[in-house]
Amino acid sequence: MDSVLEETVRLLVEAAVINAGKRVSVHLAGQDGLLLVVVLSHTGALDDGAVLASLAAVDGTASCGTDAGDEGRRIWSLLSTEPPRSRELAACNGKTAGCRSFHSFWRA
């Protein structure tokens, strides 16, 4: 999980810095076997679809996205904390993790 988290944070921070973020905030929250990683760029930069494709390719990513708020652009990734084998078995058994949207997770 450490390498997945490191890769995710690296991608999120790079995206914020590339978008002229002079101040970057990193936030983490965990709940129900999921870890939410959010980076605020504190700028009004536009979305970059390339970063979302890179985030989605990271092992363990359940969901990712970007939006804008009062603090500027938010880029986020929702990671599963379960070992990869457990995730595969759960998927094969027809069970889902019931991933929430960013907004419902963040406000929980």
C-alpha atoms as a PDB file:
ATOM      1  CA  MET A   1       0.000   0.000   0.000  1.00  0.00           C
ATOM      2  CA  ASP A   2       2.882   2.398   0.716  1.00  0.00           C
ATOM      3  CA  SER A   3       4.093   2.393  -2.892  1.00  0.00           C
ATOM      4  CA  VAL A   4       0.531   2.902  -4.184  1.00  0.00           C
ATOM      5  CA  LEU A   5       0.026   5.844  -1.835  1.00  0.00           C
ATOM      6  CA  GLU A   6       3.402   7.348  -2.779  1.00  0.00           C
ATOM      7  CA  GLU A   7       2.654   7.063  -6.510  1.00  0.00           C
ATOM      8  CA  THR A   8      -0.814   8.555  -6.064  1.00  0.00           C
ATOM      9  CA  VAL A   9       0.422  11.505  -3.993  1.00  0.00           C
ATOM     10  CA  ARG A  10       3.259  12.117  -6.480  1.00  0.00           C
ATOM     11  CA  LEU A  11       0.825  12.241  -9.418  1.00  0.00           C
ATOM     12  CA  LEU A  12      -1.623  14.497  -7.574  1.00  0.00           C
ATOM     13  CA  VAL A  13       1.035  16.954  -6.384  1.00  0.00           C
ATOM     14  CA  GLU A  14       2.715  17.063  -9.812  1.00  0.00           C
ATOM     15  CA  ALA A  15      -0.633  17.914 -11.405  1.00  0.00           C
ATOM     16  CA  ALA A  16      -1.211  20.728  -8.900  1.00  0.00           C
ATOM     17  CA  VAL A  17       2.266  22.163  -9.419  1.00  0.00           C
ATOM     18  CA  ILE A  18       2.020  21.966 -13.221  1.00  0.00           C
ATOM     19  CA  ASN A  19      -1.197  23.998 -12.986  1.00  0.00           C
ATOM     20  CA  ALA A  20       0.718  26.908 -11.405  1.00  0.00           C
ATOM     21  CA  GLY A  21      -0.084  25.891  -7.841  1.00  0.00           C
ATOM     22  CA  LYS A  22       2.230  27.968  -5.672  1.00  0.00           C
ATOM     23  CA  ARG A  23       0.724  26.500  -2.527  1.00  0.00           C
ATOM     24  CA  VAL A  24      -0.378  22.870  -2.432  1.00  0.00           C
ATOM     25  CA  SER A  25      -2.382  21.128   0.316  1.00  0.00           C
ATOM     26  CA  VAL A  26      -2.540  17.344   0.690  1.00  0.00           C
ATOM     27  CA  HIS A  27      -5.403  15.787   2.673  1.00  0.00           C
ATOM     28  CA  LEU A  28      -5.978  12.137   3.614  1.00  0.00           C
ATOM     29  CA  ALA A  29      -9.076  10.458   5.013  1.00  0.00           C
ATOM     30  CA  GLY A  30      -9.815   6.777   5.573  1.00  0.00           C
ATOM     31  CA  GLN A  31     -13.074   4.917   6.016  1.00  0.00           C
ATOM     32  CA  ASP A  32     -14.509   1.446   5.283  1.00  0.00           C
ATOM     33  CA  GLY A  33     -11.335   0.053   3.667  1.00  0.00           C
ATOM     34  CA  LEU A  34     -10.914   3.107   1.428  1.00  0.00           C
ATOM     35  CA  LEU A  35      -8.369   5.927   1.542  1.00  0.00           C
ATOM     36  CA  LEU A  36      -9.200   9.317   0.047  1.00  0.00           C
ATOM     37  CA  VAL A  37      -6.234  11.423  -1.092  1.00  0.00           C
ATOM     38  CA  VAL A  38      -7.068  15.018  -2.065  1.00  0.00           C
ATOM     39  CA  VAL A  39      -4.691  17.691  -3.318  1.00  0.00           C
ATOM     40  CA  LEU A  40      -5.752  21.334  -3.466  1.00  0.00           C
ATOM     41  CA  SER A  41      -3.833  23.505  -5.923  1.00  0.00           C
ATOM     42  CA  HIS A  42      -5.306  26.797  -4.657  1.00  0.00           C
ATOM     43  CA  THR A  43      -5.663  27.949  -8.283  1.00  0.00           C
ATOM     44  CA  GLY A  44      -8.526  28.016 -10.741  1.00  0.00           C
ATOM     45  CA  ALA A  45      -6.682  25.858 -13.297  1.00  0.00           C
ATOM     46  CA  LEU A  46      -8.687  23.797 -15.750  1.00  0.00           C
ATOM     47  CA  ASP A  47      -9.008  20.015 -15.674  1.00  0.00           C
ATOM     48  CA  ASP A  48      -6.331  17.848 -17.229  1.00  0.00           C
ATOM     49  CA  GLY A  49      -7.657  14.499 -18.431  1.00  0.00           C
ATOM     50  CA  ALA A  50      -4.136  13.086 -18.633  1.00  0.00           C
ATOM     51  CA  VAL A  51      -3.697  13.131 -14.849  1.00  0.00           C
ATOM     52  CA  LEU A  52      -6.969  11.249 -14.391  1.00  0.00           C
ATOM     53  CA  ALA A  53      -5.830   8.543 -16.790  1.00  0.00           C
ATOM     54  CA  SER A  54      -2.534   8.241 -14.876  1.00  0.00           C
ATOM     55  CA  LEU A  55      -4.335   8.048 -11.527  1.00  0.00           C
ATOM     56  CA  ALA A  56      -6.794   5.440 -12.794  1.00  0.00           C
ATOM     57  CA  ALA A  57      -3.856   3.285 -13.911  1.00  0.00           C
ATOM     58  CA  VAL A  58      -2.409   3.106 -10.368  1.00  0.00           C
ATOM     59  CA  ASP A  59      -3.055  -0.288  -8.768  1.00  0.00           C
ATOM     60  CA  GLY A  60      -5.766  -0.064  -6.120  1.00  0.00           C
ATOM     61  CA  THR A  61      -7.500   3.049  -7.470  1.00  0.00           C
ATOM     62  CA  ALA A  62     -11.237   2.709  -6.941  1.00  0.00           C
ATOM     63  CA  SER A  63     -12.094   6.145  -8.324  1.00  0.00           C
ATOM     64  CA  CYS A  64     -10.518   9.505  -9.125  1.00  0.00           C
ATOM     65  CA  GLY A  65     -11.609  12.909 -10.267  1.00  0.00           C
ATOM     66  CA  THR A  66     -11.224  16.646 -10.189  1.00  0.00           C
ATOM     67  CA  ASP A  67     -13.451  19.590  -9.398  1.00  0.00           C
ATOM     68  CA  ALA A  68     -13.219  23.182  -8.222  1.00  0.00           C
ATOM     69  CA  GLY A  69     -14.204  24.721  -4.921  1.00  0.00           C
ATOM     70  CA  ASP A  70     -13.555  27.794  -2.805  1.00  0.00           C
ATOM     71  CA  GLU A  71      -9.962  26.654  -2.217  1.00  0.00           C
ATOM     72  CA  GLY A  72      -9.298  26.214  -5.933  1.00  0.00           C
ATOM     73  CA  ARG A  73      -8.923  23.034  -7.949  1.00  0.00           C
ATOM     74  CA  ARG A  74      -9.239  19.711  -6.122  1.00  0.00           C
ATOM     75  CA  ILE A  75      -7.754  16.562  -7.585  1.00  0.00           C
ATOM     76  CA  TRP A  76      -8.572  13.373  -5.732  1.00  0.00           C
ATOM     77  CA  SER A  77      -8.127   9.635  -5.761  1.00  0.00           C
ATOM     78  CA  LEU A  78      -9.981   6.997  -3.768  1.00  0.00           C
ATOM     79  CA  LEU A  79      -7.787   3.969  -3.026  1.00  0.00           C
ATOM     80  CA  SER A  80      -8.722   0.542  -1.747  1.00  0.00           C
ATOM     81  CA  THR A  81      -6.698  -0.522   1.292  1.00  0.00           C
ATOM     82  CA  GLU A  82      -7.446  -4.211   0.707  1.00  0.00           C
ATOM     83  CA  PRO A  83      -4.655  -6.404  -0.663  1.00  0.00           C
ATOM     84  CA  PRO A  84      -5.005  -6.905  -4.451  1.00  0.00           C
ATOM     85  CA  ARG A  85      -5.961 -10.581  -4.101  1.00  0.00           C
ATOM     86  CA  SER A  86      -8.881  -9.697  -1.803  1.00  0.00           C
ATOM     87  CA  ARG A  87     -10.118  -7.082  -4.268  1.00  0.00           C
ATOM     88  CA  GLU A  88     -10.017  -9.605  -7.121  1.00  0.00           C
ATOM     89  CA  LEU A  89     -11.844 -12.256  -5.108  1.00  0.00           C
ATOM     90  CA  ALA A  90     -14.515  -9.783  -4.048  1.00  0.00           C
ATOM     91  CA  ALA A  91     -15.049  -8.789  -7.676  1.00  0.00           C
ATOM     92  CA  CYS A  92     -15.240 -12.433  -8.766  1.00  0.00           C
ATOM     93  CA  ASN A  93     -17.874 -13.135  -6.115  1.00  0.00           C
ATOM     94  CA  GLY A  94     -20.032 -10.340  -7.489  1.00  0.00           C
ATOM     95  CA  LYS A  95     -19.506  -8.138  -4.416  1.00  0.00           C
ATOM     96  CA  THR A  96     -18.652  -4.484  -4.761  1.00  0.00           C
ATOM     97  CA  ALA A  97     -17.051  -2.083  -2.328  1.00  0.00           C
ATOM     98  CA  GLY A  98     -19.897   0.403  -2.854  1.00  0.00           C
ATOM     99  CA  CYS A  99     -17.529   3.279  -3.608  1.00  0.00           C
ATOM    100  CA  ARG A 100     -19.001   6.615  -2.740  1.00  0.00           C
ATOM    101  CA  SER A 101     -18.608   9.787  -4.676  1.00  0.00           C
ATOM    102  CA  PHE A 102     -15.936  12.239  -3.574  1.00  0.00           C
ATOM    103  CA  HIS A 103     -18.484  14.585  -2.023  1.00  0.00           C
ATOM    104  CA  SER A 104     -20.252  11.995   0.139  1.00  0.00           C
ATOM    105  CA  PHE A 105     -16.925  10.539   1.323  1.00  0.00           C
ATOM    106  CA  TRP A 106     -15.396  13.930   2.063  1.00  0.00           C
ATOM    107  CA  ARG A 107     -18.379  15.055   4.130  1.00  0.00           C
ATOM    108  CA  ALA A 108     -18.796  11.751   6.005  1.00  0.00           C
END
